[in-house]
Amino acid sequence: MTNAWIAIGALAAVAVIIPLSMMLVSWLLRPSVPEQGKRATYESGEIPTGSSRSIKFNIQYYMVALLFVVFDIETVLIFPWTVIYTDAIEQVGLFRALVPMLVFIGILVVGLAWAWRNGAVEWVRSERAEEQRIERTEG
């Protein structure tokens, strides 16, 4: 019994020591190149205006995140259904096994069509991005 706890303690110690030592070595060996872009609030290529507390996010970020969560949950619910699908057909029949999932997927398709029609999945381009795209195609 004590040997098992010694093994667990040793494994826990190794699990803590290895990542900490890797972070320490990388901190010692990495080059330090301070640039204005690295010190910016966001490194996404957008020039921030104002302080970091006054930056307004485009609602598109939240819409894409929300759609991602919805369809991620869809995947989580569909995967177990596919695993038990053949057993469900044998027990309750094809119709009773297939219809609930088709209704579920149909509701999601209607939701996606609604989001698409209302422009929730279309990304809004900034004027600067459009200018850069035009310069690349002309040059």
C-alpha atoms as a PDB file:
ATOM      1  CA  MET A   1       0.000   0.000   0.000  1.00  0.00           C
ATOM      2  CA  THR A   2       2.765   2.472   0.848  1.00  0.00           C
ATOM      3  CA  ASN A   3       4.606   1.625  -2.360  1.00  0.00           C
ATOM      4  CA  ALA A   4       1.620   2.823  -4.378  1.00  0.00           C
ATOM      5  CA  TRP A   5       1.598   6.168  -2.553  1.00  0.00           C
ATOM      6  CA  ILE A   6       5.351   6.554  -3.072  1.00  0.00           C
ATOM      7  CA  ALA A   7       4.864   5.965  -6.795  1.00  0.00           C
ATOM      8  CA  ILE A   8       1.998   8.492  -6.916  1.00  0.00           C
ATOM      9  CA  GLY A   9       4.085  11.055  -5.015  1.00  0.00           C
ATOM     10  CA  ALA A  10       7.071  10.520  -7.317  1.00  0.00           C
ATOM     11  CA  LEU A  11       4.845  10.879 -10.381  1.00  0.00           C
ATOM     12  CA  ALA A  12       3.338  14.092  -8.979  1.00  0.00           C
ATOM     13  CA  ALA A  13       6.815  15.480  -8.260  1.00  0.00           C
ATOM     14  CA  VAL A  14       7.970  14.677 -11.789  1.00  0.00           C
ATOM     15  CA  ALA A  15       4.778  16.210 -13.205  1.00  0.00           C
ATOM     16  CA  VAL A  16       5.595  19.468 -11.423  1.00  0.00           C
ATOM     17  CA  ILE A  17       9.382  19.528 -11.833  1.00  0.00           C
ATOM     18  CA  ILE A  18       9.548  18.845 -15.587  1.00  0.00           C
ATOM     19  CA  PRO A  19       7.255  21.700 -16.734  1.00  0.00           C
ATOM     20  CA  LEU A  20       8.825  24.156 -14.276  1.00  0.00           C
ATOM     21  CA  SER A  21      12.329  23.243 -15.416  1.00  0.00           C
ATOM     22  CA  MET A  22      11.304  23.566 -19.079  1.00  0.00           C
ATOM     23  CA  MET A  23       9.853  27.038 -18.430  1.00  0.00           C
ATOM     24  CA  LEU A  24      13.008  28.061 -16.556  1.00  0.00           C
ATOM     25  CA  VAL A  25      15.320  26.857 -19.336  1.00  0.00           C
ATOM     26  CA  SER A  26      13.259  28.559 -22.040  1.00  0.00           C
ATOM     27  CA  TRP A  27      13.204  31.797 -20.017  1.00  0.00           C
ATOM     28  CA  LEU A  28      17.012  31.664 -19.705  1.00  0.00           C
ATOM     29  CA  LEU A  29      17.691  30.808 -23.362  1.00  0.00           C
ATOM     30  CA  ARG A  30      15.105  32.853 -25.240  1.00  0.00           C
ATOM     31  CA  PRO A  31      16.141  36.053 -26.970  1.00  0.00           C
ATOM     32  CA  SER A  32      14.655  39.261 -25.691  1.00  0.00           C
ATOM     33  CA  VAL A  33      13.692  41.514 -28.598  1.00  0.00           C
ATOM     34  CA  PRO A  34      11.408  44.275 -27.342  1.00  0.00           C
ATOM     35  CA  GLU A  35       9.402  45.783 -30.182  1.00  0.00           C
ATOM     36  CA  GLN A  36       6.489  48.170 -30.218  1.00  0.00           C
ATOM     37  CA  GLY A  37       4.255  45.487 -31.760  1.00  0.00           C
ATOM     38  CA  LYS A  38       4.965  43.098 -28.895  1.00  0.00           C
ATOM     39  CA  ARG A  39       4.095  45.738 -26.341  1.00  0.00           C
ATOM     40  CA  ALA A  40       0.777  46.555 -28.022  1.00  0.00           C
ATOM     41  CA  THR A  41      -2.463  45.652 -26.307  1.00  0.00           C
ATOM     42  CA  TYR A  42      -3.350  43.163 -29.046  1.00  0.00           C
ATOM     43  CA  GLU A  43      -0.947  41.650 -31.570  1.00  0.00           C
ATOM     44  CA  SER A  44      -3.647  40.993 -34.147  1.00  0.00           C
ATOM     45  CA  GLY A  45      -2.428  43.608 -36.599  1.00  0.00           C
ATOM     46  CA  GLU A  46      -5.106  46.087 -35.614  1.00  0.00           C
ATOM     47  CA  ILE A  47      -3.801  49.398 -34.338  1.00  0.00           C
ATOM     48  CA  PRO A  48      -5.405  49.981 -30.936  1.00  0.00           C
ATOM     49  CA  THR A  49      -6.961  53.360 -30.294  1.00  0.00           C
ATOM     50  CA  GLY A  50      -7.350  54.602 -26.760  1.00  0.00           C
ATOM     51  CA  SER A  51      -6.661  52.645 -23.618  1.00  0.00           C
ATOM     52  CA  SER A  52      -7.185  48.911 -23.336  1.00  0.00           C
ATOM     53  CA  ARG A  53     -10.333  49.472 -21.263  1.00  0.00           C
ATOM     54  CA  SER A  54     -11.963  51.672 -23.892  1.00  0.00           C
ATOM     55  CA  ILE A  55     -11.444  49.346 -26.873  1.00  0.00           C
ATOM     56  CA  LYS A  56     -14.793  48.216 -28.243  1.00  0.00           C
ATOM     57  CA  PHE A  57     -14.969  44.752 -29.748  1.00  0.00           C
ATOM     58  CA  ASN A  58     -16.929  44.032 -32.852  1.00  0.00           C
ATOM     59  CA  ILE A  59     -20.005  41.940 -32.015  1.00  0.00           C
ATOM     60  CA  GLN A  60     -18.808  39.529 -34.724  1.00  0.00           C
ATOM     61  CA  TYR A  61     -16.279  38.049 -32.252  1.00  0.00           C
ATOM     62  CA  TYR A  62     -19.048  37.083 -29.865  1.00  0.00           C
ATOM     63  CA  MET A  63     -21.311  35.751 -32.608  1.00  0.00           C
ATOM     64  CA  VAL A  64     -18.583  33.491 -33.979  1.00  0.00           C
ATOM     65  CA  ALA A  65     -17.751  32.281 -30.461  1.00  0.00           C
ATOM     66  CA  LEU A  66     -21.414  31.570 -29.753  1.00  0.00           C
ATOM     67  CA  LEU A  67     -21.857  29.685 -33.028  1.00  0.00           C
ATOM     68  CA  PHE A  68     -18.705  27.697 -32.284  1.00  0.00           C
ATOM     69  CA  VAL A  69     -20.071  26.686 -28.880  1.00  0.00           C
ATOM     70  CA  VAL A  70     -23.423  25.675 -30.355  1.00  0.00           C
ATOM     71  CA  PHE A  71     -21.882  23.471 -33.040  1.00  0.00           C
ATOM     72  CA  ASP A  72     -19.286  22.114 -30.652  1.00  0.00           C
ATOM     73  CA  ILE A  73     -22.095  20.958 -28.367  1.00  0.00           C
ATOM     74  CA  GLU A  74     -23.802  19.478 -31.413  1.00  0.00           C
ATOM     75  CA  THR A  75     -20.725  17.344 -32.051  1.00  0.00           C
ATOM     76  CA  VAL A  76     -20.615  16.262 -28.419  1.00  0.00           C
ATOM     77  CA  LEU A  77     -24.251  15.135 -28.616  1.00  0.00           C
ATOM     78  CA  ILE A  78     -24.033  13.454 -32.026  1.00  0.00           C
ATOM     79  CA  PHE A  79     -20.920  11.379 -31.301  1.00  0.00           C
ATOM     80  CA  PRO A  80     -22.435   9.159 -28.561  1.00  0.00           C
ATOM     81  CA  TRP A  81     -25.552   8.727 -30.675  1.00  0.00           C
ATOM     82  CA  THR A  82     -23.462   7.372 -33.552  1.00  0.00           C
ATOM     83  CA  VAL A  83     -21.781   4.912 -31.208  1.00  0.00           C
ATOM     84  CA  ILE A  84     -25.078   3.379 -30.029  1.00  0.00           C
ATOM     85  CA  TYR A  85     -26.932   3.779 -33.352  1.00  0.00           C
ATOM     86  CA  THR A  86     -26.809   0.123 -34.429  1.00  0.00           C
ATOM     87  CA  ASP A  87     -27.867  -1.089 -30.975  1.00  0.00           C
ATOM     88  CA  ALA A  88     -30.730   1.423 -30.958  1.00  0.00           C
ATOM     89  CA  ILE A  89     -31.964   0.186 -34.353  1.00  0.00           C
ATOM     90  CA  GLU A  90     -32.046  -3.387 -33.054  1.00  0.00           C
ATOM     91  CA  GLN A  91     -33.964  -2.402 -29.912  1.00  0.00           C
ATOM     92  CA  VAL A  92     -36.462   0.261 -31.054  1.00  0.00           C
ATOM     93  CA  GLY A  93     -36.335   0.157 -34.854  1.00  0.00           C
ATOM     94  CA  LEU A  94     -34.965   2.453 -37.520  1.00  0.00           C
ATOM     95  CA  PHE A  95     -37.697   5.097 -37.340  1.00  0.00           C
ATOM     96  CA  ARG A  96     -37.583   5.624 -33.549  1.00  0.00           C
ATOM     97  CA  ALA A  97     -33.766   5.650 -33.542  1.00  0.00           C
ATOM     98  CA  LEU A  98     -33.320   8.029 -36.474  1.00  0.00           C
ATOM     99  CA  VAL A  99     -36.111  10.605 -36.106  1.00  0.00           C
ATOM    100  CA  PRO A 100     -34.942  12.308 -32.871  1.00  0.00           C
ATOM    101  CA  MET A 101     -31.458  12.892 -34.269  1.00  0.00           C
ATOM    102  CA  LEU A 102     -32.841  14.144 -37.592  1.00  0.00           C
ATOM    103  CA  VAL A 103     -35.073  16.596 -35.697  1.00  0.00           C
ATOM    104  CA  PHE A 104     -32.063  17.746 -33.660  1.00  0.00           C
ATOM    105  CA  ILE A 105     -29.915  18.232 -36.769  1.00  0.00           C
ATOM    106  CA  GLY A 106     -32.835  19.939 -38.541  1.00  0.00           C
ATOM    107  CA  ILE A 107     -33.171  22.484 -35.723  1.00  0.00           C
ATOM    108  CA  LEU A 108     -29.445  23.183 -35.945  1.00  0.00           C
ATOM    109  CA  VAL A 109     -29.623  23.601 -39.732  1.00  0.00           C
ATOM    110  CA  VAL A 110     -32.500  26.064 -39.328  1.00  0.00           C
ATOM    111  CA  GLY A 111     -30.433  27.967 -36.749  1.00  0.00           C
ATOM    112  CA  LEU A 112     -27.418  28.029 -39.036  1.00  0.00           C
ATOM    113  CA  ALA A 113     -29.550  29.219 -41.967  1.00  0.00           C
ATOM    114  CA  TRP A 114     -31.003  31.980 -39.784  1.00  0.00           C
ATOM    115  CA  ALA A 115     -27.514  33.054 -38.617  1.00  0.00           C
ATOM    116  CA  TRP A 116     -26.210  32.959 -42.179  1.00  0.00           C
ATOM    117  CA  ARG A 117     -29.149  34.969 -43.510  1.00  0.00           C
ATOM    118  CA  ASN A 118     -28.712  37.612 -40.796  1.00  0.00           C
ATOM    119  CA  GLY A 119     -24.984  37.929 -41.557  1.00  0.00           C
ATOM    120  CA  ALA A 120     -23.705  36.396 -38.320  1.00  0.00           C
ATOM    121  CA  VAL A 121     -21.167  34.213 -40.131  1.00  0.00           C
ATOM    122  CA  GLU A 122     -19.934  36.905 -42.528  1.00  0.00           C
ATOM    123  CA  TRP A 123     -16.806  38.571 -41.279  1.00  0.00           C
ATOM    124  CA  VAL A 124     -16.707  42.362 -41.485  1.00  0.00           C
ATOM    125  CA  ARG A 125     -13.512  43.671 -43.046  1.00  0.00           C
ATOM    126  CA  SER A 126     -11.856  46.849 -41.883  1.00  0.00           C
ATOM    127  CA  GLU A 127     -11.037  49.619 -44.346  1.00  0.00           C
ATOM    128  CA  ARG A 128      -7.316  49.056 -43.823  1.00  0.00           C
ATOM    129  CA  ALA A 129      -7.636  45.346 -44.637  1.00  0.00           C
ATOM    130  CA  GLU A 130      -9.517  46.186 -47.833  1.00  0.00           C
ATOM    131  CA  GLU A 131      -6.807  48.699 -48.851  1.00  0.00           C
ATOM    132  CA  GLN A 132      -4.078  46.114 -48.254  1.00  0.00           C
ATOM    133  CA  ARG A 133      -5.987  43.508 -50.274  1.00  0.00           C
ATOM    134  CA  ILE A 134      -6.380  45.951 -53.179  1.00  0.00           C
ATOM    135  CA  GLU A 135      -2.672  46.889 -53.024  1.00  0.00           C
ATOM    136  CA  ARG A 136      -1.672  43.210 -53.181  1.00  0.00           C
ATOM    137  CA  THR A 137      -3.865  42.505 -56.178  1.00  0.00           C
ATOM    138  CA  GLU A 138      -2.683  45.605 -58.052  1.00  0.00           C
ATOM    139  CA  GLY A 139       1.015  45.267 -57.213  1.00  0.00           C
END
